[in-house]
Amino acid sequence: MDQYVAASWQVKPGLEDDFKRRWRAFTSWTLENAPGARSFTLLHNEAEPDRFISYGTWTDRESIHAWWELEGFDMRYQSCLAVCVDHKGAEHSVAAQLTPVS
């Protein structure tokens, strides 16, 4: 079953576009270099423009942990954090899921 990483990001005011560019560079690099990475999504809070939520889908927990150890991970992660005032991230698994009835 898929595993997920999710994070909330509070970006320094005025640096939202810079953050989005850094996040895209980080996650593009991840998709090219981290086996088990499936996809990444960044959501922007329209009511609070300095707030974002991101999540990534992974094949398994071991792949997430291996990603954290890749050479280049920390530099790219820190690049995103450099334009933030707050950040919280964690691993997640599916607790419930709903799909439309056909």
PDB file of N, CA and C in Angstrom:
ATOM      1  N   MET A   1       0.843  -1.181   0.000  1.00  0.00           N
ATOM      2  CA  MET A   1       0.000   0.000   0.000  1.00  0.00           C
ATOM      3  C   MET A   1       0.886   1.242   0.000  1.00  0.00           C
ATOM      4  N   ASP A   2       0.455   2.260  -0.739  1.00  0.00           N
ATOM      5  CA  ASP A   2       1.231   3.498  -0.823  1.00  0.00           C
ATOM      6  C   ASP A   2       1.450   4.115   0.557  1.00  0.00           C
ATOM      7  N   GLN A   3       2.552   4.823   0.661  1.00  0.00           N
ATOM      8  CA  GLN A   3       2.873   5.620   1.840  1.00  0.00           C
ATOM      9  C   GLN A   3       2.955   7.071   1.383  1.00  0.00           C
ATOM     10  N   TYR A   4       2.838   7.994   2.320  1.00  0.00           N
ATOM     11  CA  TYR A   4       2.811   9.410   1.987  1.00  0.00           C
ATOM     12  C   TYR A   4       3.722  10.199   2.922  1.00  0.00           C
ATOM     13  N   VAL A   5       4.269  11.272   2.388  1.00  0.00           N
ATOM     14  CA  VAL A   5       4.891  12.303   3.217  1.00  0.00           C
ATOM     15  C   VAL A   5       4.061  13.559   2.985  1.00  0.00           C
ATOM     16  N   ALA A   6       3.797  14.276   4.057  1.00  0.00           N
ATOM     17  CA  ALA A   6       3.023  15.511   3.945  1.00  0.00           C
ATOM     18  C   ALA A   6       3.678  16.567   4.817  1.00  0.00           C
ATOM     19  N   ALA A   7       3.543  17.811   4.389  1.00  0.00           N
ATOM     20  CA  ALA A   7       4.149  18.904   5.144  1.00  0.00           C
ATOM     21  C   ALA A   7       3.310  20.158   5.016  1.00  0.00           C
ATOM     22  N   SER A   8       3.347  20.965   6.061  1.00  0.00           N
ATOM     23  CA  SER A   8       2.787  22.312   5.993  1.00  0.00           C
ATOM     24  C   SER A   8       3.968  23.273   5.988  1.00  0.00           C
ATOM     25  N   TRP A   9       3.855  24.289   5.169  1.00  0.00           N
ATOM     26  CA  TRP A   9       4.922  25.266   4.984  1.00  0.00           C
ATOM     27  C   TRP A   9       4.338  26.665   5.157  1.00  0.00           C
ATOM     28  N   GLN A  10       4.970  27.479   5.971  1.00  0.00           N
ATOM     29  CA  GLN A  10       4.617  28.901   6.043  1.00  0.00           C
ATOM     30  C   GLN A  10       5.808  29.662   5.474  1.00  0.00           C
ATOM     31  N   VAL A  11       5.565  30.337   4.367  1.00  0.00           N
ATOM     32  CA  VAL A  11       6.617  30.997   3.605  1.00  0.00           C
ATOM     33  C   VAL A  11       6.738  32.462   4.031  1.00  0.00           C
ATOM     34  N   LYS A  12       7.959  32.968   4.000  1.00  0.00           N
ATOM     35  CA  LYS A  12       8.178  34.387   4.296  1.00  0.00           C
ATOM     36  C   LYS A  12       7.375  35.219   3.299  1.00  0.00           C
ATOM     37  N   PRO A  13       6.661  36.243   3.780  1.00  0.00           N
ATOM     38  CA  PRO A  13       5.829  37.071   2.888  1.00  0.00           C
ATOM     39  C   PRO A  13       6.618  37.590   1.689  1.00  0.00           C
ATOM     40  N   GLY A  14       5.987  37.481   0.526  1.00  0.00           N
ATOM     41  CA  GLY A  14       6.597  37.959  -0.708  1.00  0.00           C
ATOM     42  C   GLY A  14       7.482  36.940  -1.409  1.00  0.00           C
ATOM     43  N   LEU A  15       7.748  35.808  -0.760  1.00  0.00           N
ATOM     44  CA  LEU A  15       8.637  34.804  -1.343  1.00  0.00           C
ATOM     45  C   LEU A  15       7.884  33.558  -1.828  1.00  0.00           C
ATOM     46  N   GLU A  16       6.582  33.682  -2.013  1.00  0.00           N
ATOM     47  CA  GLU A  16       5.764  32.538  -2.402  1.00  0.00           C
ATOM     48  C   GLU A  16       6.200  31.950  -3.748  1.00  0.00           C
ATOM     49  N   ASP A  17       6.432  32.786  -4.744  1.00  0.00           N
ATOM     50  CA  ASP A  17       6.862  32.277  -6.053  1.00  0.00           C
ATOM     51  C   ASP A  17       8.235  31.625  -5.974  1.00  0.00           C
ATOM     52  N   ASP A  18       9.122  32.203  -5.177  1.00  0.00           N
ATOM     53  CA  ASP A  18      10.450  31.614  -4.982  1.00  0.00           C
ATOM     54  C   ASP A  18      10.315  30.236  -4.324  1.00  0.00           C
ATOM     55  N   PHE A  19       9.448  30.137  -3.312  1.00  0.00           N
ATOM     56  CA  PHE A  19       9.232  28.849  -2.664  1.00  0.00           C
ATOM     57  C   PHE A  19       8.719  27.818  -3.656  1.00  0.00           C
ATOM     58  N   LYS A  20       7.731  28.190  -4.460  1.00  0.00           N
ATOM     59  CA  LYS A  20       7.187  27.245  -5.440  1.00  0.00           C
ATOM     60  C   LYS A  20       8.271  26.772  -6.401  1.00  0.00           C
ATOM     61  N   ARG A  21       9.148  27.658  -6.836  1.00  0.00           N
ATOM     62  CA  ARG A  21      10.245  27.279  -7.728  1.00  0.00           C
ATOM     63  C   ARG A  21      11.195  26.300  -7.026  1.00  0.00           C
ATOM     64  N   ARG A  22      11.550  26.587  -5.783  1.00  0.00           N
ATOM     65  CA  ARG A  22      12.449  25.718  -5.022  1.00  0.00           C
ATOM     66  C   ARG A  22      11.801  24.348  -4.779  1.00  0.00           C
ATOM     67  N   TRP A  23      10.522  24.358  -4.433  1.00  0.00           N
ATOM     68  CA  TRP A  23       9.808  23.099  -4.174  1.00  0.00           C
ATOM     69  C   TRP A  23       9.756  22.250  -5.453  1.00  0.00           C
ATOM     70  N   ARG A  24       9.461  22.869  -6.583  1.00  0.00           N
ATOM     71  CA  ARG A  24       9.430  22.127  -7.857  1.00  0.00           C
ATOM     72  C   ARG A  24      10.804  21.547  -8.186  1.00  0.00           C
ATOM     73  N   ALA A  25      11.856  22.304  -7.957  1.00  0.00           N
ATOM     74  CA  ALA A  25      13.209  21.794  -8.217  1.00  0.00           C
ATOM     75  C   ALA A  25      13.515  20.605  -7.310  1.00  0.00           C
ATOM     76  N   PHE A  26      13.140  20.705  -6.050  1.00  0.00           N
ATOM     77  CA  PHE A  26      13.375  19.631  -5.074  1.00  0.00           C
ATOM     78  C   PHE A  26      12.604  18.370  -5.459  1.00  0.00           C
ATOM     79  N   THR A  27      11.331  18.510  -5.772  1.00  0.00           N
ATOM     80  CA  THR A  27      10.527  17.329  -6.060  1.00  0.00           C
ATOM     81  C   THR A  27      10.824  16.758  -7.450  1.00  0.00           C
ATOM     82  N   SER A  28      11.198  17.598  -8.405  1.00  0.00           N
ATOM     83  CA  SER A  28      11.624  17.075  -9.716  1.00  0.00           C
ATOM     84  C   SER A  28      12.881  16.236  -9.561  1.00  0.00           C
ATOM     85  N   TRP A  29      13.834  16.751  -8.802  1.00  0.00           N
ATOM     86  CA  TRP A  29      15.065  15.998  -8.518  1.00  0.00           C
ATOM     87  C   TRP A  29      14.712  14.667  -7.844  1.00  0.00           C
ATOM     88  N   THR A  30      13.781  14.714  -6.903  1.00  0.00           N
ATOM     89  CA  THR A  30      13.383  13.491  -6.188  1.00  0.00           C
ATOM     90  C   THR A  30      12.810  12.461  -7.157  1.00  0.00           C
ATOM     91  N   LEU A  31      11.902  12.873  -8.030  1.00  0.00           N
ATOM     92  CA  LEU A  31      11.300  11.926  -8.978  1.00  0.00           C
ATOM     93  C   LEU A  31      12.345  11.303  -9.902  1.00  0.00           C
ATOM     94  N   GLU A  32      13.402  12.033 -10.198  1.00  0.00           N
ATOM     95  CA  GLU A  32      14.456  11.519 -11.069  1.00  0.00           C
ATOM     96  C   GLU A  32      15.451  10.634 -10.335  1.00  0.00           C
ATOM     97  N   ASN A  33      15.587  10.798  -9.015  1.00  0.00           N
ATOM     98  CA  ASN A  33      16.677  10.154  -8.289  1.00  0.00           C
ATOM     99  C   ASN A  33      16.278   9.232  -7.144  1.00  0.00           C
ATOM    100  N   ALA A  34      15.032   9.245  -6.740  1.00  0.00           N
ATOM    101  CA  ALA A  34      14.621   8.460  -5.574  1.00  0.00           C
ATOM    102  C   ALA A  34      13.688   7.326  -5.998  1.00  0.00           C
ATOM    103  N   PRO A  35      14.194   6.104  -6.060  1.00  0.00           N
ATOM    104  CA  PRO A  35      13.313   4.975  -6.369  1.00  0.00           C
ATOM    105  C   PRO A  35      12.158   4.913  -5.363  1.00  0.00           C
ATOM    106  N   GLY A  36      10.974   4.657  -5.862  1.00  0.00           N
ATOM    107  CA  GLY A  36       9.795   4.564  -5.007  1.00  0.00           C
ATOM    108  C   GLY A  36       8.964   5.831  -4.961  1.00  0.00           C
ATOM    109  N   ALA A  37       9.522   6.967  -5.425  1.00  0.00           N
ATOM    110  CA  ALA A  37       8.753   8.211  -5.460  1.00  0.00           C
ATOM    111  C   ALA A  37       7.758   8.133  -6.609  1.00  0.00           C
ATOM    112  N   ARG A  38       6.492   8.398  -6.328  1.00  0.00           N
ATOM    113  CA  ARG A  38       5.446   8.306  -7.358  1.00  0.00           C
ATOM    114  C   ARG A  38       4.958   9.650  -7.852  1.00  0.00           C
ATOM    115  N   SER A  39       4.658  10.561  -6.934  1.00  0.00           N
ATOM    116  CA  SER A  39       4.145  11.874  -7.339  1.00  0.00           C
ATOM    117  C   SER A  39       4.225  12.831  -6.163  1.00  0.00           C
ATOM    118  N   PHE A  40       4.156  14.132  -6.503  1.00  0.00           N
ATOM    119  CA  PHE A  40       4.161  15.189  -5.490  1.00  0.00           C
ATOM    120  C   PHE A  40       3.120  16.228  -5.865  1.00  0.00           C
ATOM    121  N   THR A  41       2.471  16.787  -4.857  1.00  0.00           N
ATOM    122  CA  THR A  41       1.462  17.825  -5.054  1.00  0.00           C
ATOM    123  C   THR A  41       1.712  18.940  -4.048  1.00  0.00           C
ATOM    124  N   LEU A  42       1.595  20.173  -4.525  1.00  0.00           N
ATOM    125  CA  LEU A  42       1.720  21.339  -3.654  1.00  0.00           C
ATOM    126  C   LEU A  42       0.405  22.104  -3.713  1.00  0.00           C
ATOM    127  N   LEU A  43      -0.219  22.298  -2.568  1.00  0.00           N
ATOM    128  CA  LEU A  43      -1.471  23.043  -2.455  1.00  0.00           C
ATOM    129  C   LEU A  43      -1.188  24.405  -1.844  1.00  0.00           C
ATOM    130  N   HIS A  44      -1.839  25.437  -2.391  1.00  0.00           N
ATOM    131  CA  HIS A  44      -1.647  26.808  -1.920  1.00  0.00           C
ATOM    132  C   HIS A  44      -2.938  27.283  -1.267  1.00  0.00           C
ATOM    133  N   ASN A  45      -2.852  27.767  -0.051  1.00  0.00           N
ATOM    134  CA  ASN A  45      -4.008  28.269   0.680  1.00  0.00           C
ATOM    135  C   ASN A  45      -4.382  29.637   0.118  1.00  0.00           C
ATOM    136  N   GLU A  46      -5.519  29.731  -0.532  1.00  0.00           N
ATOM    137  CA  GLU A  46      -5.923  30.990  -1.170  1.00  0.00           C
ATOM    138  C   GLU A  46      -6.274  32.071  -0.157  1.00  0.00           C
ATOM    139  N   ALA A  47      -6.728  31.696   1.027  1.00  0.00           N
ATOM    140  CA  ALA A  47      -7.080  32.679   2.050  1.00  0.00           C
ATOM    141  C   ALA A  47      -5.851  33.202   2.797  1.00  0.00           C
ATOM    142  N   GLU A  48      -4.801  32.375   2.859  1.00  0.00           N
ATOM    143  CA  GLU A  48      -3.560  32.760   3.531  1.00  0.00           C
ATOM    144  C   GLU A  48      -2.410  32.480   2.563  1.00  0.00           C
ATOM    145  N   PRO A  49      -2.047  33.440   1.727  1.00  0.00           N
ATOM    146  CA  PRO A  49      -1.113  33.187   0.632  1.00  0.00           C
ATOM    147  C   PRO A  49       0.289  32.761   1.045  1.00  0.00           C
ATOM    148  N   ASP A  50       0.646  32.899   2.318  1.00  0.00           N
ATOM    149  CA  ASP A  50       1.964  32.452   2.757  1.00  0.00           C
ATOM    150  C   ASP A  50       1.956  30.988   3.205  1.00  0.00           C
ATOM    151  N   ARG A  51       0.825  30.296   3.074  1.00  0.00           N
ATOM    152  CA  ARG A  51       0.696  28.918   3.567  1.00  0.00           C
ATOM    153  C   ARG A  51       0.521  27.926   2.416  1.00  0.00           C
ATOM    154  N   PHE A  52       1.246  26.823   2.534  1.00  0.00           N
ATOM    155  CA  PHE A  52       1.198  25.735   1.559  1.00  0.00           C
ATOM    156  C   PHE A  52       1.121  24.404   2.292  1.00  0.00           C
ATOM    157  N   ILE A  53       0.564  23.416   1.608  1.00  0.00           N
ATOM    158  CA  ILE A  53       0.603  22.028   2.070  1.00  0.00           C
ATOM    159  C   ILE A  53       1.125  21.207   0.896  1.00  0.00           C
ATOM    160  N   SER A  54       2.045  20.305   1.185  1.00  0.00           N
ATOM    161  CA  SER A  54       2.552  19.422   0.137  1.00  0.00           C
ATOM    162  C   SER A  54       2.378  17.980   0.575  1.00  0.00           C
ATOM    163  N   TYR A  55       2.241  17.119  -0.421  1.00  0.00           N
ATOM    164  CA  TYR A  55       2.276  15.691  -0.116  1.00  0.00           C
ATOM    165  C   TYR A  55       2.909  14.945  -1.273  1.00  0.00           C
ATOM    166  N   GLY A  56       3.549  13.857  -0.892  1.00  0.00           N
ATOM    167  CA  GLY A  56       4.189  12.987  -1.869  1.00  0.00           C
ATOM    168  C   GLY A  56       3.733  11.561  -1.660  1.00  0.00           C
ATOM    169  N   THR A  57       3.577  10.854  -2.760  1.00  0.00           N
ATOM    170  CA  THR A  57       3.146   9.457  -2.726  1.00  0.00           C
ATOM    171  C   THR A  57       4.356   8.569  -3.005  1.00  0.00           C
ATOM    172  N   TRP A  58       4.495   7.534  -2.217  1.00  0.00           N
ATOM    173  CA  TRP A  58       5.639   6.622  -2.294  1.00  0.00           C
ATOM    174  C   TRP A  58       5.166   5.176  -2.322  1.00  0.00           C
ATOM    175  N   THR A  59       5.983   4.306  -2.881  1.00  0.00           N
ATOM    176  CA  THR A  59       5.627   2.887  -2.936  1.00  0.00           C
ATOM    177  C   THR A  59       5.683   2.230  -1.565  1.00  0.00           C
ATOM    178  N   ASP A  60       6.617   2.675  -0.719  1.00  0.00           N
ATOM    179  CA  ASP A  60       6.775   2.045   0.596  1.00  0.00           C
ATOM    180  C   ASP A  60       7.577   2.959   1.521  1.00  0.00           C
ATOM    181  N   ARG A  61       7.525   2.662   2.787  1.00  0.00           N
ATOM    182  CA  ARG A  61       8.210   3.465   3.812  1.00  0.00           C
ATOM    183  C   ARG A  61       9.733   3.411   3.653  1.00  0.00           C
ATOM    184  N   GLU A  62      10.260   2.273   3.246  1.00  0.00           N
ATOM    185  CA  GLU A  62      11.708   2.149   3.073  1.00  0.00           C
ATOM    186  C   GLU A  62      12.230   3.120   2.025  1.00  0.00           C
ATOM    187  N   SER A  63      11.445   3.352   0.966  1.00  0.00           N
ATOM    188  CA  SER A  63      11.846   4.294  -0.079  1.00  0.00           C
ATOM    189  C   SER A  63      11.908   5.724   0.460  1.00  0.00           C
ATOM    190  N   ILE A  64      10.986   6.065   1.333  1.00  0.00           N
ATOM    191  CA  ILE A  64      11.005   7.400   1.953  1.00  0.00           C
ATOM    192  C   ILE A  64      12.289   7.572   2.756  1.00  0.00           C
ATOM    193  N   HIS A  65      12.595   6.586   3.566  1.00  0.00           N
ATOM    194  CA  HIS A  65      13.789   6.677   4.416  1.00  0.00           C
ATOM    195  C   HIS A  65      15.067   6.719   3.580  1.00  0.00           C
ATOM    196  N   ALA A  66      15.113   5.973   2.488  1.00  0.00           N
ATOM    197  CA  ALA A  66      16.282   6.003   1.598  1.00  0.00           C
ATOM    198  C   ALA A  66      16.415   7.378   0.940  1.00  0.00           C
ATOM    199  N   TRP A  67      15.294   8.018   0.602  1.00  0.00           N
ATOM    200  CA  TRP A  67      15.299   9.366   0.019  1.00  0.00           C
ATOM    201  C   TRP A  67      15.993  10.354   0.941  1.00  0.00           C
ATOM    202  N   TRP A  68      15.676  10.272   2.218  1.00  0.00           N
ATOM    203  CA  TRP A  68      16.275  11.191   3.189  1.00  0.00           C
ATOM    204  C   TRP A  68      17.791  11.050   3.255  1.00  0.00           C
ATOM    205  N   GLU A  69      18.304   9.886   2.874  1.00  0.00           N
ATOM    206  CA  GLU A  69      19.740   9.623   2.943  1.00  0.00           C
ATOM    207  C   GLU A  69      20.470   9.917   1.629  1.00  0.00           C
ATOM    208  N   LEU A  70      19.742  10.219   0.559  1.00  0.00           N
ATOM    209  CA  LEU A  70      20.382  10.473  -0.736  1.00  0.00           C
ATOM    210  C   LEU A  70      21.288  11.697  -0.680  1.00  0.00           C
ATOM    211  N   GLU A  71      22.426  11.597  -1.352  1.00  0.00           N
ATOM    212  CA  GLU A  71      23.293  12.755  -1.487  1.00  0.00           C
ATOM    213  C   GLU A  71      22.526  13.809  -2.294  1.00  0.00           C
ATOM    214  N   GLY A  72      22.462  14.993  -1.776  1.00  0.00           N
ATOM    215  CA  GLY A  72      21.733  16.064  -2.434  1.00  0.00           C
ATOM    216  C   GLY A  72      20.382  16.353  -1.804  1.00  0.00           C
ATOM    217  N   PHE A  73      19.868  15.420  -1.000  1.00  0.00           N
ATOM    218  CA  PHE A  73      18.562  15.645  -0.363  1.00  0.00           C
ATOM    219  C   PHE A  73      18.611  16.878   0.540  1.00  0.00           C
ATOM    220  N   ASP A  74      19.554  16.881   1.465  1.00  0.00           N
ATOM    221  CA  ASP A  74      19.583  17.933   2.480  1.00  0.00           C
ATOM    222  C   ASP A  74      19.729  19.319   1.857  1.00  0.00           C
ATOM    223  N   MET A  75      20.574  19.444   0.851  1.00  0.00           N
ATOM    224  CA  MET A  75      20.776  20.744   0.204  1.00  0.00           C
ATOM    225  C   MET A  75      19.470  21.252  -0.397  1.00  0.00           C
ATOM    226  N   ARG A  76      18.730  20.379  -1.070  1.00  0.00           N
ATOM    227  CA  ARG A  76      17.485  20.791  -1.722  1.00  0.00           C
ATOM    228  C   ARG A  76      16.370  21.061  -0.707  1.00  0.00           C
ATOM    229  N   TYR A  77      16.311  20.247   0.322  1.00  0.00           N
ATOM    230  CA  TYR A  77      15.336  20.444   1.395  1.00  0.00           C
ATOM    231  C   TYR A  77      15.605  21.771   2.108  1.00  0.00           C
ATOM    232  N   GLN A  78      16.871  22.027   2.424  1.00  0.00           N
ATOM    233  CA  GLN A  78      17.242  23.271   3.099  1.00  0.00           C
ATOM    234  C   GLN A  78      16.959  24.490   2.231  1.00  0.00           C
ATOM    235  N   SER A  79      17.054  24.333   0.918  1.00  0.00           N
ATOM    236  CA  SER A  79      16.732  25.427   0.012  1.00  0.00           C
ATOM    237  C   SER A  79      15.270  25.848   0.179  1.00  0.00           C
ATOM    238  N   CYS A  80      14.381  24.874   0.328  1.00  0.00           N
ATOM    239  CA  CYS A  80      12.963  25.190   0.567  1.00  0.00           C
ATOM    240  C   CYS A  80      12.780  25.840   1.932  1.00  0.00           C
ATOM    241  N   LEU A  81      13.433  25.291   2.936  1.00  0.00           N
ATOM    242  CA  LEU A  81      13.294  25.833   4.290  1.00  0.00           C
ATOM    243  C   LEU A  81      13.830  27.254   4.404  1.00  0.00           C
ATOM    244  N   ALA A  82      14.796  27.615   3.567  1.00  0.00           N
ATOM    245  CA  ALA A  82      15.432  28.933   3.660  1.00  0.00           C
ATOM    246  C   ALA A  82      14.452  30.078   3.434  1.00  0.00           C
ATOM    247  N   VAL A  83      13.342  29.824   2.749  1.00  0.00           N
ATOM    248  CA  VAL A  83      12.355  30.878   2.496  1.00  0.00           C
ATOM    249  C   VAL A  83      11.101  30.703   3.359  1.00  0.00           C
ATOM    250  N   CYS A  84      11.205  29.877   4.394  1.00  0.00           N
ATOM    251  CA  CYS A  84      10.060  29.597   5.269  1.00  0.00           C
ATOM    252  C   CYS A  84      10.293  30.133   6.677  1.00  0.00           C
ATOM    253  N   VAL A  85       9.181  30.430   7.347  1.00  0.00           N
ATOM    254  CA  VAL A  85       9.237  30.795   8.763  1.00  0.00           C
ATOM    255  C   VAL A  85       8.758  29.646   9.643  1.00  0.00           C
ATOM    256  N   ASP A  86       8.059  28.675   9.038  1.00  0.00           N
ATOM    257  CA  ASP A  86       7.593  27.510   9.803  1.00  0.00           C
ATOM    258  C   ASP A  86       7.401  26.344   8.844  1.00  0.00           C
ATOM    259  N   HIS A  87       7.619  25.150   9.355  1.00  0.00           N
ATOM    260  CA  HIS A  87       7.470  23.939   8.555  1.00  0.00           C
ATOM    261  C   HIS A  87       7.244  22.759   9.496  1.00  0.00           C
ATOM    262  N   LYS A  88       6.320  21.907   9.121  1.00  0.00           N
ATOM    263  CA  LYS A  88       6.092  20.654   9.850  1.00  0.00           C
ATOM    264  C   LYS A  88       5.835  19.574   8.822  1.00  0.00           C
ATOM    265  N   GLY A  89       6.523  18.451   8.955  1.00  0.00           N
ATOM    266  CA  GLY A  89       6.342  17.343   8.036  1.00  0.00           C
ATOM    267  C   GLY A  89       6.263  16.027   8.779  1.00  0.00           C
ATOM    268  N   ALA A  90       5.664  15.031   8.131  1.00  0.00           N
ATOM    269  CA  ALA A  90       5.528  13.713   8.745  1.00  0.00           C
ATOM    270  C   ALA A  90       5.210  12.668   7.693  1.00  0.00           C
ATOM    271  N   GLU A  91       5.420  11.406   8.060  1.00  0.00           N
ATOM    272  CA  GLU A  91       5.014  10.274   7.228  1.00  0.00           C
ATOM    273  C   GLU A  91       3.566   9.935   7.539  1.00  0.00           C
ATOM    274  N   HIS A  92       2.837   9.435   6.523  1.00  0.00           N
ATOM    275  CA  HIS A  92       1.439   9.077   6.709  1.00  0.00           C
ATOM    276  C   HIS A  92       1.112   7.801   5.940  1.00  0.00           C
ATOM    277  N   SER A  93       0.109   7.105   6.416  1.00  0.00           N
ATOM    278  CA  SER A  93      -0.482   5.997   5.660  1.00  0.00           C
ATOM    279  C   SER A  93      -1.982   6.253   5.572  1.00  0.00           C
ATOM    280  N   VAL A  94      -2.636   5.585   4.664  1.00  0.00           N
ATOM    281  CA  VAL A  94      -4.070   5.800   4.452  1.00  0.00           C
ATOM    282  C   VAL A  94      -4.854   5.239   5.632  1.00  0.00           C
ATOM    283  N   ALA A  95      -5.714   6.060   6.214  1.00  0.00           N
ATOM    284  CA  ALA A  95      -6.600   5.627   7.294  1.00  0.00           C
ATOM    285  C   ALA A  95      -7.996   5.329   6.763  1.00  0.00           C
ATOM    286  N   ALA A  96      -8.401   6.047   5.736  1.00  0.00           N
ATOM    287  CA  ALA A  96      -9.704   5.843   5.114  1.00  0.00           C
ATOM    288  C   ALA A  96      -9.650   6.461   3.726  1.00  0.00           C
ATOM    289  N   GLN A  97     -10.454   5.924   2.818  1.00  0.00           N
ATOM    290  CA  GLN A  97     -10.484   6.462   1.473  1.00  0.00           C
ATOM    291  C   GLN A  97     -11.880   6.253   0.890  1.00  0.00           C
ATOM    292  N   LEU A  98     -12.397   7.286   0.250  1.00  0.00           N
ATOM    293  CA  LEU A  98     -13.713   7.202  -0.372  1.00  0.00           C
ATOM    294  C   LEU A  98     -13.545   7.383  -1.867  1.00  0.00           C
ATOM    295  N   THR A  99     -14.299   6.631  -2.619  1.00  0.00           N
ATOM    296  CA  THR A  99     -14.331   6.785  -4.075  1.00  0.00           C
ATOM    297  C   THR A  99     -15.782   6.857  -4.520  1.00  0.00           C
ATOM    298  N   PRO A 100     -16.066   7.543  -5.619  1.00  0.00           N
ATOM    299  CA  PRO A 100     -17.452   7.653  -6.062  1.00  0.00           C
ATOM    300  C   PRO A 100     -18.025   6.291  -6.447  1.00  0.00           C
ATOM    301  N   VAL A 101     -19.300   6.150  -6.203  1.00  0.00           N
ATOM    302  CA  VAL A 101     -19.998   4.940  -6.583  1.00  0.00           C
ATOM    303  C   VAL A 101     -20.408   5.079  -8.051  1.00  0.00           C
ATOM    304  N   SER A 102     -20.156   4.059  -8.845  1.00  0.00           N
ATOM    305  CA  SER A 102     -20.488   4.109 -10.278  1.00  0.00           C
ATOM    306  C   SER A 102     -21.966   3.895 -10.510  1.00  0.00           C
TER     307      SER A 102
END
